[in-house]
C-alpha atoms as a PDB file:
ATOM      1  CA  MET A   1     104.528 115.691 108.763  1.00  0.00           C
ATOM      2  CA  ALA A   2     105.613 112.146 108.009  1.00  0.00           C
ATOM      3  CA  GLU A   3     104.065 109.912 105.384  1.00  0.00           C
ATOM      4  CA  PRO A   4     101.425 107.501 106.742  1.00  0.00           C
ATOM      5  CA  ARG A   5     103.779 104.567 106.057  1.00  0.00           C
ATOM      6  CA  ILE A   6     106.509 106.126 108.233  1.00  0.00           C
ATOM      7  CA  GLU A   7     104.023 107.005 110.972  1.00  0.00           C
ATOM      8  CA  LYS A   8     102.737 103.402 111.004  1.00  0.00           C
ATOM      9  CA  MET A   9     106.285 102.030 111.165  1.00  0.00           C
ATOM     10  CA  VAL A  10     107.070 104.159 114.225  1.00  0.00           C
ATOM     11  CA  SER A  11     103.694 103.401 115.826  1.00  0.00           C
ATOM     12  CA  ASP A  12     104.246  99.658 115.353  1.00  0.00           C
ATOM     13  CA  LEU A  13     107.593  99.911 117.108  1.00  0.00           C
ATOM     14  CA  LYS A  14     106.241 101.977 120.016  1.00  0.00           C
ATOM     15  CA  LYS A  15     103.719  99.213 120.733  1.00  0.00           C
ATOM     16  CA  GLN A  16     106.501  96.641 121.214  1.00  0.00           C
ATOM     17  CA  GLY A  17     108.089  97.990 124.393  1.00  0.00           C
ATOM     18  CA  VAL A  18     111.711  98.525 125.363  1.00  0.00           C
ATOM     19  CA  ASN A  19     114.783  96.955 123.774  1.00  0.00           C
ATOM     20  CA  CYS A  20     113.002  96.322 120.476  1.00  0.00           C
ATOM     21  CA  GLY A  21     113.863  97.849 117.147  1.00  0.00           C
ATOM     22  CA  TYR A  22     114.381  97.501 113.437  1.00  0.00           C
ATOM     23  CA  VAL A  23     117.528  96.130 111.831  1.00  0.00           C
ATOM     24  CA  VAL A  24     118.571  96.024 108.190  1.00  0.00           C
ATOM     25  CA  GLN A  25     119.571  92.699 106.707  1.00  0.00           C
ATOM     26  CA  GLY A  26     120.543  93.071 103.065  1.00  0.00           C
ATOM     27  CA  ASN A  27     117.738  95.088 101.468  1.00  0.00           C
ATOM     28  CA  ALA A  28     115.152  93.965 104.010  1.00  0.00           C
ATOM     29  CA  VAL A  29     114.123  95.435 107.345  1.00  0.00           C
ATOM     30  CA  GLY A  30     113.400  93.108 110.226  1.00  0.00           C
ATOM     31  CA  PHE A  31     111.931  93.682 113.666  1.00  0.00           C
ATOM     32  CA  LEU A  32     114.214  92.499 116.434  1.00  0.00           C
ATOM     33  CA  SER A  33     112.882  91.558 119.825  1.00  0.00           C
ATOM     34  CA  PRO A  34     115.841  90.672 122.032  1.00  0.00           C
ATOM     35  CA  GLY A  35     115.315  87.673 124.211  1.00  0.00           C
ATOM     36  CA  ALA A  36     116.663  84.208 124.554  1.00  0.00           C
ATOM     37  CA  ASP A  37     116.690  83.637 120.802  1.00  0.00           C
ATOM     38  CA  PHE A  38     116.972  87.178 119.367  1.00  0.00           C
ATOM     39  CA  HIS A  39     114.019  86.557 117.074  1.00  0.00           C
ATOM     40  CA  LEU A  40     114.083  88.612 113.837  1.00  0.00           C
ATOM     41  CA  THR A  41     110.684  89.103 112.195  1.00  0.00           C
ATOM     42  CA  PRO A  42     110.324  90.352 108.596  1.00  0.00           C
ATOM     43  CA  THR A  43     108.523  93.689 108.070  1.00  0.00           C
ATOM     44  CA  PRO A  44     107.023  95.458 105.040  1.00  0.00           C
ATOM     45  CA  TYR A  45     109.408  98.398 105.498  1.00  0.00           C
ATOM     46  CA  SER A  46     112.538  99.332 103.561  1.00  0.00           C
ATOM     47  CA  PRO A  47     115.916 100.764 104.564  1.00  0.00           C
ATOM     48  CA  ALA A  48     114.785 104.026 102.901  1.00  0.00           C
ATOM     49  CA  ASP A  49     111.812 104.116 105.309  1.00  0.00           C
ATOM     50  CA  LEU A  50     114.206 103.871 108.258  1.00  0.00           C
ATOM     51  CA  ASP A  51     116.414 106.628 106.851  1.00  0.00           C
ATOM     52  CA  GLU A  52     113.378 108.872 106.392  1.00  0.00           C
ATOM     53  CA  ALA A  53     112.227 108.250 109.983  1.00  0.00           C
ATOM     54  CA  VAL A  54     115.715 109.116 111.285  1.00  0.00           C
ATOM     55  CA  LYS A  55     115.771 112.269 109.144  1.00  0.00           C
ATOM     56  CA  LEU A  56     112.414 113.259 110.692  1.00  0.00           C
ATOM     57  CA  LYS A  57     113.829 112.442 114.161  1.00  0.00           C
ATOM     58  CA  LEU A  58     111.165 109.788 114.752  1.00  0.00           C
ATOM     59  CA  LEU A  59     113.717 106.985 115.048  1.00  0.00           C
ATOM     60  CA  LYS A  60     117.341 106.971 116.110  1.00  0.00           C
ATOM     61  CA  LYS A  61     120.103 104.692 114.911  1.00  0.00           C
ATOM     62  CA  GLY A  62     122.361 103.092 117.475  1.00  0.00           C
ATOM     63  CA  VAL A  63     124.791 100.219 117.794  1.00  0.00           C
ATOM     64  CA  TRP A  64     123.995  97.205 119.947  1.00  0.00           C
ATOM     65  CA  ASN A  65     126.779  95.026 121.259  1.00  0.00           C
ATOM     66  CA  VAL A  66     125.905  91.418 121.989  1.00  0.00           C
ATOM     67  CA  SER A  67     127.843  88.757 123.810  1.00  0.00           C
ATOM     68  CA  SER A  68     126.967  85.433 125.335  1.00  0.00           C
ATOM     69  CA  THR A  69     127.926  84.419 128.833  1.00  0.00           C
ATOM     70  CA  GLY A  70     131.065  82.349 128.649  1.00  0.00           C
ATOM     71  CA  ALA A  71     131.438  82.854 124.889  1.00  0.00           C
ATOM     72  CA  PRO A  72     134.742  84.295 123.663  1.00  0.00           C
ATOM     73  CA  LYS A  73     133.086  86.166 120.766  1.00  0.00           C
ATOM     74  CA  SER A  74     130.736  89.096 120.634  1.00  0.00           C
ATOM     75  CA  TRP A  75     129.182  91.018 117.768  1.00  0.00           C
ATOM     76  CA  SER A  76     127.457  94.323 117.139  1.00  0.00           C
ATOM     77  CA  PHE A  77     124.801  95.591 114.755  1.00  0.00           C
ATOM     78  CA  GLU A  78     122.919  98.792 113.978  1.00  0.00           C
ATOM     79  CA  MET A  79     119.431  98.978 115.438  1.00  0.00           C
ATOM     80  CA  PHE A  80     116.788 101.644 114.858  1.00  0.00           C
ATOM     81  CA  THR A  81     114.742 102.539 117.942  1.00  0.00           C
ATOM     82  CA  VAL A  82     112.156 105.168 118.909  1.00  0.00           C
ATOM     83  CA  ALA A  83     113.746 108.596 119.266  1.00  0.00           C
END
């Protein structure tokens, strides 16, 4: 059984719908809700929390590739989503 903190982190994400997830920026974890502005919201969670949730198979880590229409550049980042 997962710690209450991990369970809350996964529950919070499940409430957000599809194409949402957590990303690590430095030592902080942000919630990413893709949309027109790719808004990143700070969270109280840590990268260790994400690793623990992946270990428990509650979250999965994937790579998102992003590009803009007509833009010559694209980028990718790791995003943690519900397993």
